[in-house]
Amino acid sequence: MTNDDLPFRESDIRYDGLQYEYDGYRYDRKVDAQAYARLMRSTAGEHEPSGPHCARVFRAAPTDAQQTLMAALAIQSEGGAYRYEGFRYELLSDAVDYARLNRRRQGRAFV
């Protein structure tokens, strides 16, 4: 059995709708969380789970005014995050800032 084959409980990896979390660390991709879990299992006895346990952040649904702004700037809401032209933003204000900057660069009017 290689280190990559060492078992870990899938239930140890949590998904909050935005990121995967294992041992207090967050990952955008599940395979990265699984790789870290395997690594920690391979050092069993040497490692006690004690990562920088991140507090869960409650993300409210966009308000009507925010949804109107998002539609005008082609920003999508997805799993508690915001997407604009393939980039993911945790804060709507960051997505709006970039969308407005991008429109200025293209010489288009912006909201």
Protein backbone atom coordinates (compact mmCIF):
# COMPACT_ATOMS: atom_id res chain seq x y z
CA MET A 1 0.00 0.00 0.00
CA THR A 2 1.44 3.36 -0.99
CA ASN A 3 0.87 6.60 0.92
CA ASP A 4 -1.61 7.65 -1.76
CA ASP A 5 -3.66 4.52 -1.04
CA LEU A 6 -3.98 5.13 2.68
CA PRO A 7 -7.63 5.47 3.61
CA PHE A 8 -9.31 8.57 4.90
CA ARG A 9 -12.93 9.04 5.69
CA GLU A 10 -14.67 10.99 2.97
CA SER A 11 -16.86 12.45 5.71
CA ASP A 12 -13.76 14.21 7.12
CA ILE A 13 -13.85 16.49 4.07
CA ARG A 14 -16.62 19.06 4.25
CA TYR A 15 -18.05 21.21 1.46
CA ASP A 16 -19.70 24.51 2.35
CA GLY A 17 -21.07 25.23 -1.10
CA LEU A 18 -17.99 27.21 -2.01
CA GLN A 19 -14.92 25.32 -0.86
CA TYR A 20 -13.84 21.95 0.48
CA GLU A 21 -12.41 21.91 4.00
CA TYR A 22 -10.20 19.38 5.71
CA ASP A 23 -8.46 19.88 9.04
CA GLY A 24 -9.16 23.60 9.00
CA TYR A 25 -7.69 24.23 5.55
CA ARG A 26 -9.83 25.23 2.57
CA TYR A 27 -9.52 24.09 -1.03
CA ASP A 28 -11.31 25.06 -4.23
CA ARG A 29 -10.88 21.56 -5.63
CA LYS A 30 -11.96 18.39 -3.86
CA VAL A 31 -8.93 16.48 -5.18
CA ASP A 32 -6.65 18.92 -3.33
CA ALA A 33 -8.49 18.32 -0.05
CA GLN A 34 -8.28 14.56 -0.65
CA ALA A 35 -4.55 14.77 -1.36
CA TYR A 36 -3.95 16.66 1.87
CA ALA A 37 -6.10 14.18 3.79
CA ARG A 38 -4.04 11.29 2.36
CA LEU A 39 -0.82 13.06 3.31
CA MET A 40 -2.01 13.58 6.87
CA ARG A 41 -3.18 9.96 7.13
CA SER A 42 0.23 8.78 5.91
CA THR A 43 1.80 10.49 8.89
CA ALA A 44 -0.71 9.01 11.35
CA GLY A 45 0.46 9.46 14.90
CA GLU A 46 2.70 12.34 13.90
CA HIS A 47 -0.14 14.70 13.14
CA GLU A 48 -3.01 15.75 15.29
CA PRO A 49 -5.67 17.64 13.34
CA SER A 50 -5.12 21.23 14.35
CA GLY A 51 -5.31 23.40 11.27
CA PRO A 52 -6.30 27.05 11.43
CA HIS A 53 -9.96 26.13 11.68
CA CYS A 54 -11.76 28.76 9.67
CA ALA A 55 -15.05 30.04 10.86
CA ARG A 56 -17.91 29.44 8.49
CA VAL A 57 -19.03 32.63 6.82
CA PHE A 58 -22.75 33.09 6.30
CA ARG A 59 -23.42 34.57 2.88
CA ALA A 60 -26.81 36.16 2.44
CA ALA A 61 -28.54 35.96 -0.92
CA PRO A 62 -28.11 39.10 -3.06
CA THR A 63 -30.74 41.76 -2.51
CA ASP A 64 -32.99 42.93 -5.35
CA ALA A 65 -30.77 45.99 -5.87
CA GLN A 66 -27.66 43.80 -5.96
CA GLN A 67 -29.30 41.40 -8.42
CA THR A 68 -30.16 44.34 -10.70
CA LEU A 69 -26.55 45.54 -10.56
CA MET A 70 -25.26 42.01 -11.17
CA ALA A 71 -27.50 41.60 -14.22
CA ALA A 72 -26.31 44.93 -15.66
CA LEU A 73 -22.68 43.87 -15.27
CA ALA A 74 -23.15 40.18 -16.24
CA ILE A 75 -22.10 38.93 -12.79
CA GLN A 76 -23.47 35.55 -11.75
CA SER A 77 -24.16 34.30 -8.23
CA GLU A 78 -22.97 30.74 -7.75
CA GLY A 79 -22.72 28.72 -4.56
CA GLY A 80 -22.27 31.68 -2.25
CA ALA A 81 -19.70 33.33 -4.52
CA TYR A 82 -19.84 35.60 -7.53
CA ARG A 83 -18.50 34.95 -11.04
CA TYR A 84 -17.49 37.42 -13.67
CA GLU A 85 -15.80 36.32 -16.90
CA GLY A 86 -14.63 33.04 -15.42
CA PHE A 87 -13.21 34.51 -12.20
CA ARG A 88 -14.68 33.74 -8.80
CA TYR A 89 -15.05 36.42 -6.15
CA GLU A 90 -16.08 35.91 -2.56
CA LEU A 91 -17.28 39.52 -2.30
CA LEU A 92 -19.77 41.08 -4.67
CA SER A 93 -17.95 44.41 -4.36
CA ASP A 94 -14.79 42.83 -5.83
CA ALA A 95 -16.69 41.41 -8.80
CA VAL A 96 -18.41 44.77 -9.37
CA ASP A 97 -15.11 46.66 -9.18
CA TYR A 98 -13.49 44.39 -11.75
CA ALA A 99 -16.53 44.43 -14.06
CA ARG A 100 -16.55 48.25 -13.97
CA LEU A 101 -12.80 48.42 -14.59
CA ASN A 102 -13.14 45.99 -17.49
CA ARG A 103 -15.94 48.06 -19.03
CA ARG A 104 -13.85 51.24 -18.74
CA ARG A 105 -10.96 49.50 -20.48
CA GLN A 106 -13.29 48.48 -23.29
CA GLY A 107 -14.67 52.02 -23.59
CA ARG A 108 -18.17 50.87 -22.65
CA ALA A 109 -20.52 52.69 -20.34
CA PHE A 110 -20.86 51.15 -16.93
CA VAL A 111 -23.35 51.03 -14.12
